[in-house]
Amino acid sequence: KSLKNINYMYNVGRLKITNNEEEFVKAFTLCLLLCILK
């Protein structure tokens, strides 16, 4: 279940941030941290 959530957030983040990879990495890292903290 966690992996599916992370995968989903990864795909959403990639769709939202296609131009700036650095911003995407930051957003993805935040998503990972949020998933872990939940």
PDB file of N, CA and C in Angstrom:
ATOM      1  N   LYS A   1       0.837  -1.200   0.000  1.00  0.00           N
ATOM      2  CA  LYS A   1       0.000   0.000   0.000  1.00  0.00           C
ATOM      3  C   LYS A   1       0.875   1.255   0.000  1.00  0.00           C
ATOM      4  N   SER A   2       1.918   1.257   0.825  1.00  0.00           N
ATOM      5  CA  SER A   2       2.812   2.412   0.868  1.00  0.00           C
ATOM      6  C   SER A   2       3.476   2.641  -0.477  1.00  0.00           C
ATOM      7  N   LEU A   3       3.953   1.547  -1.081  1.00  0.00           N
ATOM      8  CA  LEU A   3       4.647   1.678  -2.358  1.00  0.00           C
ATOM      9  C   LEU A   3       3.726   2.253  -3.415  1.00  0.00           C
ATOM     10  N   LYS A   4       2.461   1.841  -3.402  1.00  0.00           N
ATOM     11  CA  LYS A   4       1.512   2.370  -4.379  1.00  0.00           C
ATOM     12  C   LYS A   4       1.304   3.860  -4.153  1.00  0.00           C
ATOM     13  N   ASN A   5       1.220   4.268  -2.892  1.00  0.00           N
ATOM     14  CA  ASN A   5       1.063   5.683  -2.568  1.00  0.00           C
ATOM     15  C   ASN A   5       2.249   6.492  -3.059  1.00  0.00           C
ATOM     16  N   ILE A   6       3.447   5.989  -2.782  1.00  0.00           N
ATOM     17  CA  ILE A   6       4.674   6.674  -3.194  1.00  0.00           C
ATOM     18  C   ILE A   6       4.732   6.754  -4.713  1.00  0.00           C
ATOM     19  N   ASN A   7       4.376   5.652  -5.377  1.00  0.00           N
ATOM     20  CA  ASN A   7       4.374   5.624  -6.830  1.00  0.00           C
ATOM     21  C   ASN A   7       3.404   6.654  -7.380  1.00  0.00           C
ATOM     22  N   TYR A   8       2.223   6.735  -6.771  1.00  0.00           N
ATOM     23  CA  TYR A   8       1.199   7.684  -7.201  1.00  0.00           C
ATOM     24  C   TYR A   8       1.696   9.116  -7.047  1.00  0.00           C
ATOM     25  N   MET A   9       2.263   9.419  -5.883  1.00  0.00           N
ATOM     26  CA  MET A   9       2.777  10.766  -5.638  1.00  0.00           C
ATOM     27  C   MET A   9       3.911  11.086  -6.597  1.00  0.00           C
ATOM     28  N   TYR A  10       4.733  10.089  -6.881  1.00  0.00           N
ATOM     29  CA  TYR A  10       5.846  10.279  -7.810  1.00  0.00           C
ATOM     30  C   TYR A  10       5.321  10.678  -9.178  1.00  0.00           C
ATOM     31  N   ASN A  11       4.298   9.945  -9.654  1.00  0.00           N
ATOM     32  CA  ASN A  11       3.735  10.239 -10.971  1.00  0.00           C
ATOM     33  C   ASN A  11       3.064  11.599 -11.001  1.00  0.00           C
ATOM     34  N   VAL A  12       2.317  11.937  -9.956  1.00  0.00           N
ATOM     35  CA  VAL A  12       1.652  13.238  -9.884  1.00  0.00           C
ATOM     36  C   VAL A  12       2.689  14.354  -9.877  1.00  0.00           C
ATOM     37  N   GLY A  13       3.723  14.178  -9.067  1.00  0.00           N
ATOM     38  CA  GLY A  13       4.777  15.187  -8.984  1.00  0.00           C
ATOM     39  C   GLY A  13       5.481  15.364 -10.316  1.00  0.00           C
ATOM     40  N   ARG A  14       5.693  14.263 -11.021  1.00  0.00           N
ATOM     41  CA  ARG A  14       6.384  14.332 -12.306  1.00  0.00           C
ATOM     42  C   ARG A  14       5.521  15.064 -13.320  1.00  0.00           C
ATOM     43  N   LEU A  15       4.209  14.861 -13.256  1.00  0.00           N
ATOM     44  CA  LEU A  15       3.311  15.545 -14.182  1.00  0.00           C
ATOM     45  C   LEU A  15       3.272  17.039 -13.895  1.00  0.00           C
ATOM     46  N   LYS A  16       3.253  17.393 -12.611  1.00  0.00           N
ATOM     47  CA  LYS A  16       3.150  18.802 -12.232  1.00  0.00           C
ATOM     48  C   LYS A  16       4.445  19.549 -12.501  1.00  0.00           C
ATOM     49  N   ILE A  17       5.567  18.873 -12.274  1.00  0.00           N
ATOM     50  CA  ILE A  17       6.862  19.547 -12.417  1.00  0.00           C
ATOM     51  C   ILE A  17       7.690  18.848 -13.493  1.00  0.00           C
ATOM     52  N   THR A  18       7.486  19.255 -14.730  1.00  0.00           N
ATOM     53  CA  THR A  18       8.195  18.605 -15.826  1.00  0.00           C
ATOM     54  C   THR A  18       9.404  19.420 -16.262  1.00  0.00           C
ATOM     55  N   ASN A  19       9.352  20.740 -16.055  1.00  0.00           N
ATOM     56  CA  ASN A  19      10.418  21.604 -16.547  1.00  0.00           C
ATOM     57  C   ASN A  19      11.620  21.648 -15.611  1.00  0.00           C
ATOM     58  N   ASN A  20      11.354  21.677 -14.319  1.00  0.00           N
ATOM     59  CA  ASN A  20      12.429  21.872 -13.354  1.00  0.00           C
ATOM     60  C   ASN A  20      12.675  20.603 -12.547  1.00  0.00           C
ATOM     61  N   GLU A  21      13.708  19.871 -12.906  1.00  0.00           N
ATOM     62  CA  GLU A  21      13.987  18.596 -12.233  1.00  0.00           C
ATOM     63  C   GLU A  21      14.355  18.799 -10.770  1.00  0.00           C
ATOM     64  N   GLU A  22      15.070  19.880 -10.493  1.00  0.00           N
ATOM     65  CA  GLU A  22      15.498  20.117  -9.109  1.00  0.00           C
ATOM     66  C   GLU A  22      14.288  20.319  -8.208  1.00  0.00           C
ATOM     67  N   GLU A  23      13.319  21.105  -8.684  1.00  0.00           N
ATOM     68  CA  GLU A  23      12.096  21.332  -7.908  1.00  0.00           C
ATOM     69  C   GLU A  23      11.347  20.024  -7.718  1.00  0.00           C
ATOM     70  N   PHE A  24      11.351  19.192  -8.758  1.00  0.00           N
ATOM     71  CA  PHE A  24      10.667  17.897  -8.666  1.00  0.00           C
ATOM     72  C   PHE A  24      11.303  17.028  -7.590  1.00  0.00           C
ATOM     73  N   VAL A  25      12.628  17.005  -7.583  1.00  0.00           N
ATOM     74  CA  VAL A  25      13.331  16.192  -6.588  1.00  0.00           C
ATOM     75  C   VAL A  25      12.972  16.660  -5.180  1.00  0.00           C
ATOM     76  N   LYS A  26      12.914  17.981  -4.997  1.00  0.00           N
ATOM     77  CA  LYS A  26      12.548  18.519  -3.677  1.00  0.00           C
ATOM     78  C   LYS A  26      11.139  18.082  -3.300  1.00  0.00           C
ATOM     79  N   ALA A  27      10.216  18.223  -4.234  1.00  0.00           N
ATOM     80  CA  ALA A  27       8.817  17.867  -3.966  1.00  0.00           C
ATOM     81  C   ALA A  27       8.693  16.375  -3.678  1.00  0.00           C
ATOM     82  N   PHE A  28       9.407  15.566  -4.459  1.00  0.00           N
ATOM     83  CA  PHE A  28       9.339  14.113  -4.278  1.00  0.00           C
ATOM     84  C   PHE A  28       9.901  13.713  -2.915  1.00  0.00           C
ATOM     85  N   THR A  29      10.994  14.369  -2.522  1.00  0.00           N
ATOM     86  CA  THR A  29      11.589  14.083  -1.219  1.00  0.00           C
ATOM     87  C   THR A  29      10.605  14.415  -0.105  1.00  0.00           C
ATOM     88  N   LEU A  30       9.912  15.551  -0.247  1.00  0.00           N
ATOM     89  CA  LEU A  30       8.905  15.927   0.750  1.00  0.00           C
ATOM     90  C   LEU A  30       7.802  14.888   0.809  1.00  0.00           C
ATOM     91  N   CYS A  31       7.368  14.409  -0.343  1.00  0.00           N
ATOM     92  CA  CYS A  31       6.316  13.386  -0.394  1.00  0.00           C
ATOM     93  C   CYS A  31       6.773  12.120   0.319  1.00  0.00           C
ATOM     94  N   LEU A  32       8.021  11.738   0.076  1.00  0.00           N
ATOM     95  CA  LEU A  32       8.559  10.540   0.731  1.00  0.00           C
ATOM     96  C   LEU A  32       8.561  10.719   2.245  1.00  0.00           C
ATOM     97  N   LEU A  33       9.020  11.892   2.697  1.00  0.00           N
ATOM     98  CA  LEU A  33       9.060  12.147   4.135  1.00  0.00           C
ATOM     99  C   LEU A  33       7.666  12.098   4.731  1.00  0.00           C
ATOM    100  N   LEU A  34       6.694  12.688   4.037  1.00  0.00           N
ATOM    101  CA  LEU A  34       5.317  12.684   4.538  1.00  0.00           C
ATOM    102  C   LEU A  34       4.783  11.262   4.618  1.00  0.00           C
ATOM    103  N   CYS A  35       5.084  10.457   3.603  1.00  0.00           N
ATOM    104  CA  CYS A  35       4.626   9.063   3.597  1.00  0.00           C
ATOM    105  C   CYS A  35       5.233   8.306   4.775  1.00  0.00           C
ATOM    106  N   ILE A  36       6.501   8.547   5.039  1.00  0.00           N
ATOM    107  CA  ILE A  36       7.191   7.841   6.120  1.00  0.00           C
ATOM    108  C   ILE A  36       6.636   8.277   7.478  1.00  0.00           C
ATOM    109  N   LEU A  37       6.356   9.576   7.619  1.00  0.00           N
ATOM    110  CA  LEU A  37       5.874  10.096   8.901  1.00  0.00           C
ATOM    111  C   LEU A  37       4.456   9.642   9.204  1.00  0.00           C
ATOM    112  N   LYS A  38       3.660   9.408   8.174  1.00  0.00           N
ATOM    113  CA  LYS A  38       2.300   8.910   8.388  1.00  0.00           C
ATOM    114  C   LYS A  38       2.370   7.523   8.914  1.00  0.00           C
TER     115      LYS A  38
END
